[in-house]
N, C-alpha and C. Protein backbone atom coordinates (compact mmCIF):
# COMPACT_ATOMS: atom_id res chain seq x y z
N UNK A 1 32.51 -17.34 11.85
CA UNK A 1 32.32 -15.95 11.35
C UNK A 1 31.01 -15.86 10.73
N UNK A 2 30.28 -14.81 11.10
CA UNK A 2 28.92 -14.56 10.52
C UNK A 2 29.05 -13.90 9.17
N UNK A 3 28.14 -14.32 8.30
CA UNK A 3 28.18 -13.80 6.88
C UNK A 3 27.62 -12.39 6.90
N UNK A 4 27.98 -11.63 5.88
CA UNK A 4 27.50 -10.21 5.81
C UNK A 4 26.12 -10.22 5.27
N UNK A 5 25.27 -9.15 5.51
CA UNK A 5 23.94 -9.15 4.94
C UNK A 5 24.00 -9.14 3.46
N UNK A 6 24.97 -8.47 2.81
CA UNK A 6 25.00 -8.56 1.33
C UNK A 6 25.16 -10.02 0.81
N UNK A 7 25.92 -10.86 1.49
CA UNK A 7 26.12 -12.31 0.99
C UNK A 7 24.79 -13.04 1.34
N UNK A 8 24.12 -12.61 2.36
CA UNK A 8 22.88 -13.28 2.68
C UNK A 8 21.85 -13.04 1.58
N UNK A 9 21.81 -11.74 1.11
CA UNK A 9 20.88 -11.41 0.01
C UNK A 9 21.30 -12.21 -1.27
N UNK A 10 22.60 -12.19 -1.53
CA UNK A 10 23.00 -12.82 -2.76
C UNK A 10 22.62 -14.40 -2.67
N UNK A 11 22.77 -14.93 -1.57
CA UNK A 11 22.40 -16.40 -1.38
C UNK A 11 20.98 -16.60 -1.64
N UNK A 12 20.12 -15.73 -1.04
CA UNK A 12 18.71 -15.82 -1.22
C UNK A 12 18.27 -15.60 -2.70
N UNK A 13 18.96 -14.72 -3.39
CA UNK A 13 18.61 -14.48 -4.84
C UNK A 13 18.95 -15.76 -5.63
N UNK A 14 20.05 -16.40 -5.36
CA UNK A 14 20.46 -17.60 -6.12
C UNK A 14 19.36 -18.72 -5.76
N UNK A 15 19.00 -18.78 -4.45
CA UNK A 15 18.04 -19.78 -4.06
C UNK A 15 16.66 -19.51 -4.74
N UNK A 16 16.30 -18.22 -4.88
CA UNK A 16 15.08 -17.87 -5.58
C UNK A 16 15.08 -18.26 -7.01
N UNK A 17 16.19 -18.09 -7.61
CA UNK A 17 16.32 -18.43 -9.07
C UNK A 17 16.17 -19.98 -9.24
N UNK A 18 16.76 -20.72 -8.35
CA UNK A 18 16.74 -22.14 -8.55
C UNK A 18 15.23 -22.58 -8.30
N UNK A 19 14.60 -22.03 -7.28
CA UNK A 19 13.20 -22.47 -6.85
C UNK A 19 12.28 -22.02 -7.95
N UNK A 20 12.45 -20.78 -8.53
CA UNK A 20 11.52 -20.28 -9.55
C UNK A 20 11.65 -21.02 -10.79
N UNK A 21 12.83 -21.58 -11.17
CA UNK A 21 13.00 -22.29 -12.40
C UNK A 21 12.31 -23.70 -12.37
N UNK A 22 12.03 -24.20 -11.19
CA UNK A 22 11.40 -25.46 -11.00
C UNK A 22 9.96 -25.33 -10.75
N UNK A 23 9.39 -24.12 -11.05
CA UNK A 23 7.98 -23.94 -10.64
C UNK A 23 6.96 -24.38 -11.62
N UNK A 24 7.32 -24.87 -12.85
CA UNK A 24 6.43 -25.32 -13.79
C UNK A 24 5.76 -26.51 -13.31
N UNK A 25 6.24 -27.29 -12.41
CA UNK A 25 5.61 -28.58 -11.86
C UNK A 25 4.86 -28.40 -10.59
N UNK A 26 4.70 -27.18 -10.16
CA UNK A 26 4.04 -26.85 -8.90
C UNK A 26 2.57 -26.41 -9.06
N UNK A 27 1.84 -26.63 -8.00
CA UNK A 27 0.39 -26.16 -8.02
C UNK A 27 0.44 -24.65 -7.73
N UNK A 28 -0.74 -24.01 -8.06
CA UNK A 28 -0.72 -22.51 -7.82
C UNK A 28 -0.52 -22.16 -6.36
N UNK A 29 -1.01 -23.02 -5.44
CA UNK A 29 -0.89 -22.78 -4.01
C UNK A 29 0.60 -22.83 -3.67
N UNK A 30 1.27 -23.80 -4.16
CA UNK A 30 2.72 -24.04 -3.83
C UNK A 30 3.52 -22.84 -4.37
N UNK A 31 3.17 -22.41 -5.64
CA UNK A 31 3.90 -21.28 -6.22
C UNK A 31 3.72 -20.01 -5.39
N UNK A 32 2.49 -19.73 -4.92
CA UNK A 32 2.27 -18.54 -4.08
C UNK A 32 3.04 -18.64 -2.77
N UNK A 33 3.06 -19.80 -2.19
CA UNK A 33 3.85 -20.00 -1.01
C UNK A 33 5.32 -19.74 -1.16
N UNK A 34 5.88 -20.20 -2.27
CA UNK A 34 7.29 -20.02 -2.55
C UNK A 34 7.54 -18.47 -2.74
N UNK A 35 6.67 -17.88 -3.58
CA UNK A 35 6.82 -16.40 -3.87
C UNK A 35 6.78 -15.61 -2.57
N UNK A 36 5.80 -15.91 -1.70
CA UNK A 36 5.72 -15.14 -0.44
C UNK A 36 6.83 -15.43 0.44
N UNK A 37 7.37 -16.62 0.50
CA UNK A 37 8.51 -16.89 1.32
C UNK A 37 9.74 -16.10 0.81
N UNK A 38 9.95 -16.01 -0.49
CA UNK A 38 11.01 -15.24 -1.01
C UNK A 38 10.91 -13.71 -0.69
N UNK A 39 9.68 -13.29 -0.81
CA UNK A 39 9.45 -11.82 -0.45
C UNK A 39 9.80 -11.61 1.00
N UNK A 40 9.44 -12.56 1.88
CA UNK A 40 9.72 -12.41 3.28
C UNK A 40 11.21 -12.43 3.53
N UNK A 41 11.89 -13.39 2.97
CA UNK A 41 13.33 -13.45 3.23
C UNK A 41 14.15 -12.25 2.65
N UNK A 42 13.74 -11.69 1.53
CA UNK A 42 14.39 -10.57 0.95
C UNK A 42 14.14 -9.31 1.87
N UNK A 43 12.89 -9.16 2.29
CA UNK A 43 12.58 -8.02 3.21
C UNK A 43 13.38 -8.15 4.51
N UNK A 44 13.48 -9.38 4.98
CA UNK A 44 14.29 -9.59 6.29
C UNK A 44 15.71 -9.18 6.01
N UNK A 45 16.33 -9.61 4.96
CA UNK A 45 17.69 -9.23 4.61
C UNK A 45 17.91 -7.72 4.44
N UNK A 46 16.92 -7.07 3.79
CA UNK A 46 16.96 -5.63 3.55
C UNK A 46 16.94 -4.92 4.94
N UNK A 47 16.18 -5.48 5.87
CA UNK A 47 16.09 -4.83 7.20
C UNK A 47 17.39 -4.94 7.95
N UNK A 48 18.03 -6.07 7.67
CA UNK A 48 19.37 -6.28 8.38
C UNK A 48 20.44 -5.21 7.80
N UNK A 49 20.22 -4.77 6.61
CA UNK A 49 21.10 -3.81 5.99
C UNK A 49 20.83 -2.39 6.55
N UNK A 50 19.61 -2.16 7.05
CA UNK A 50 19.14 -0.78 7.45
C UNK A 50 18.50 -0.79 8.82
N UNK A 51 19.19 -1.10 9.88
CA UNK A 51 18.62 -1.23 11.19
C UNK A 51 18.01 0.12 11.67
N UNK A 52 18.63 1.24 11.43
CA UNK A 52 17.96 2.57 11.83
C UNK A 52 16.64 2.79 11.16
N UNK A 53 16.62 2.47 9.91
CA UNK A 53 15.35 2.63 9.09
C UNK A 53 14.24 1.68 9.61
N UNK A 54 14.63 0.45 10.02
CA UNK A 54 13.74 -0.48 10.61
C UNK A 54 13.20 0.05 11.92
N UNK A 55 13.94 0.70 12.81
CA UNK A 55 13.46 1.23 13.98
C UNK A 55 12.46 2.31 13.76
N UNK A 56 12.73 3.14 12.75
CA UNK A 56 11.84 4.22 12.37
C UNK A 56 10.47 3.66 11.88
N UNK A 57 10.60 2.64 11.01
CA UNK A 57 9.39 2.00 10.47
C UNK A 57 8.54 1.35 11.60
N UNK A 58 9.24 0.76 12.58
CA UNK A 58 8.44 0.15 13.65
C UNK A 58 7.75 1.23 14.56
N UNK A 59 8.42 2.38 14.81
CA UNK A 59 7.79 3.44 15.65
C UNK A 59 6.66 4.03 14.85
N UNK A 60 6.78 4.24 13.46
CA UNK A 60 5.63 4.71 12.74
C UNK A 60 4.48 3.76 12.74
N UNK A 61 4.80 2.49 12.58
CA UNK A 61 3.71 1.50 12.66
C UNK A 61 2.97 1.49 13.89
N UNK A 62 3.68 1.61 14.99
CA UNK A 62 3.10 1.58 16.38
C UNK A 62 2.30 2.86 16.53
N UNK A 63 2.76 3.97 16.06
CA UNK A 63 1.93 5.20 16.24
C UNK A 63 0.73 5.16 15.41
N UNK A 64 0.73 4.53 14.22
CA UNK A 64 -0.39 4.45 13.31
C UNK A 64 -1.42 3.51 14.01
N UNK A 65 -0.88 2.44 14.63
CA UNK A 65 -1.81 1.47 15.30
C UNK A 65 -2.53 2.10 16.46
N UNK A 66 -1.83 2.96 17.19
CA UNK A 66 -2.47 3.63 18.28
C UNK A 66 -3.45 4.74 17.81
N UNK A 67 -3.14 5.36 16.74
CA UNK A 67 -4.05 6.42 16.23
C UNK A 67 -5.28 5.69 15.61
N UNK A 68 -5.17 4.62 15.04
CA UNK A 68 -6.33 3.91 14.55
C UNK A 68 -7.32 3.38 15.63
N UNK A 69 -6.63 3.01 16.71
CA UNK A 69 -7.53 2.49 17.81
C UNK A 69 -8.29 3.59 18.54
N UNK A 70 -7.92 4.85 18.29
CA UNK A 70 -8.66 5.98 19.03
C UNK A 70 -9.93 6.29 18.33
């Protein structure tokens, strides 16, 4: 059985807390990599919760890319 998007977000938040609590021993580059990975995972989970909104954002991004290239 596939897990729900809400449980996916909850799991990622718990993972983020564990990872961030151990960050005192990491280099600045490692910390930034962890932070960006968490941002990516949370954005991915949010898009799973809102597929119609995702389609709209993709169409807007494509139209902006086309208008910038003109």
